[in-house]
Amino acid sequence: MALTFFKTPRNKQFNYKPVYYDKKKEEREKRQKAALEEDHENYEKALRDRLQMRWKRTAGARSRRASNQRLVVIFVVMFVLLYLIFFI
C-alpha cells in the first residue's frame, strides 16, 4: 500500500438516460386519439389540427423543392461563367 499525501479526485458518474423524441409517432397518436373521440365539439379542433399538419408537411416539401431549384440555377450559372472564361 502506497502512502499518499493528496487524494486524487475520481470521475463523477451520472445516471443520465437520453429521451428519444419521435415527432411523427406523436402526431400519429394525436390523430388516432382525435379519430376515436369523434365528438362534434372536438371535431372542429381535430379537423383544424389535421389541416395544420398537412399544411406543415406541404410547406416543408415546397421549401425543399425551392432550395433544390435554387441550387440547380446556381450550378448552371457557374457552369456558363466558367465556360465563357475558359473557352471563349
Protein backbone atom coordinates (compact mmCIF):
# COMPACT_ATOMS: atom_id res chain seq x y z
CA MET A 1 0.00 0.00 0.00
CA ALA A 2 1.42 3.33 -1.07
CA LEU A 3 1.48 6.34 1.22
CA THR A 4 -0.20 9.36 -0.44
CA PHE A 5 -0.41 12.94 0.74
CA PHE A 6 -3.07 14.12 -1.70
CA LYS A 7 -6.28 12.40 -2.73
CA THR A 8 -6.82 12.30 -6.47
CA PRO A 9 -10.40 13.11 -7.44
CA ARG A 10 -12.45 10.37 -9.06
CA ASN A 11 -14.61 10.84 -12.13
CA LYS A 12 -18.20 11.72 -11.39
CA GLN A 13 -20.82 9.30 -12.70
CA PHE A 14 -24.32 10.32 -13.62
CA ASN A 15 -27.40 8.22 -14.25
CA TYR A 16 -28.49 10.15 -17.35
CA LYS A 17 -30.64 8.28 -19.83
CA PRO A 18 -31.41 10.27 -23.00
CA VAL A 19 -35.03 10.50 -24.06
CA TYR A 20 -35.83 9.77 -27.71
CA TYR A 21 -38.49 12.03 -29.21
CA ASP A 22 -40.32 10.80 -32.30
CA LYS A 23 -42.32 13.66 -33.77
CA LYS A 24 -44.12 11.53 -36.36
CA LYS A 25 -45.19 9.00 -33.73
CA GLU A 26 -46.57 11.77 -31.50
CA GLU A 27 -48.57 13.23 -34.40
CA ARG A 28 -49.90 9.79 -35.38
CA GLU A 29 -51.04 9.09 -31.80
CA LYS A 30 -52.68 12.51 -31.64
CA ARG A 31 -54.60 11.80 -34.86
CA GLN A 32 -55.68 8.37 -33.60
CA LYS A 33 -56.90 9.83 -30.33
CA ALA A 34 -58.86 12.53 -32.16
CA ALA A 35 -60.40 9.95 -34.51
CA LEU A 36 -61.53 7.78 -31.60
CA GLU A 37 -63.17 10.64 -29.74
CA GLU A 38 -65.15 11.87 -32.76
CA ASP A 39 -67.24 14.36 -30.73
CA HIS A 40 -68.85 17.27 -32.53
CA GLU A 41 -67.15 19.71 -30.18
CA ASN A 42 -63.72 18.21 -30.77
CA TYR A 43 -64.38 17.50 -34.45
CA GLU A 44 -63.65 21.10 -35.48
CA LYS A 45 -60.47 21.14 -33.42
CA ALA A 46 -59.35 17.78 -34.87
CA LEU A 47 -60.12 18.99 -38.40
CA ARG A 48 -58.16 22.19 -37.78
CA ASP A 49 -55.21 20.19 -36.41
CA ARG A 50 -55.30 17.82 -39.39
CA LEU A 51 -55.30 20.69 -41.86
CA GLN A 52 -52.48 22.38 -39.98
CA MET A 53 -50.34 19.21 -40.03
CA ARG A 54 -50.98 18.74 -43.75
CA TRP A 55 -50.05 22.37 -44.41
CA LYS A 56 -46.79 21.95 -42.45
CA ARG A 57 -45.89 18.83 -44.46
CA THR A 58 -46.54 20.53 -47.82
CA ALA A 59 -44.73 23.69 -46.71
CA GLY A 60 -41.63 21.64 -45.90
CA ALA A 61 -41.73 19.89 -49.28
CA ARG A 62 -42.27 23.21 -51.04
CA SER A 63 -39.25 24.81 -49.33
CA ARG A 64 -37.04 21.79 -50.16
CA ARG A 65 -38.13 21.94 -53.80
CA ALA A 66 -37.40 25.69 -53.95
CA SER A 67 -33.99 25.11 -52.37
CA ASN A 68 -33.13 22.40 -54.91
CA GLN A 69 -34.21 24.62 -57.80
CA ARG A 70 -32.07 27.46 -56.48
CA LEU A 71 -29.08 25.13 -56.24
CA VAL A 72 -29.55 23.96 -59.84
CA VAL A 73 -29.75 27.56 -61.06
CA ILE A 74 -26.53 28.45 -59.23
CA PHE A 75 -24.72 25.46 -60.78
CA VAL A 76 -25.95 26.37 -64.26
CA VAL A 77 -24.83 29.98 -63.88
CA MET A 78 -21.43 28.88 -62.58
CA PHE A 79 -21.03 26.42 -65.46
CA VAL A 80 -21.90 29.09 -68.04
CA LEU A 81 -19.48 31.59 -66.47
CA LEU A 82 -16.66 29.03 -66.37
CA TYR A 83 -17.37 28.06 -69.99
CA LEU A 84 -17.23 31.73 -71.06
CA ILE A 85 -14.00 32.34 -69.14
CA PHE A 86 -12.06 29.29 -70.34
CA PHE A 87 -13.37 28.56 -73.83
CA ILE A 88 -14.16 31.96 -75.37
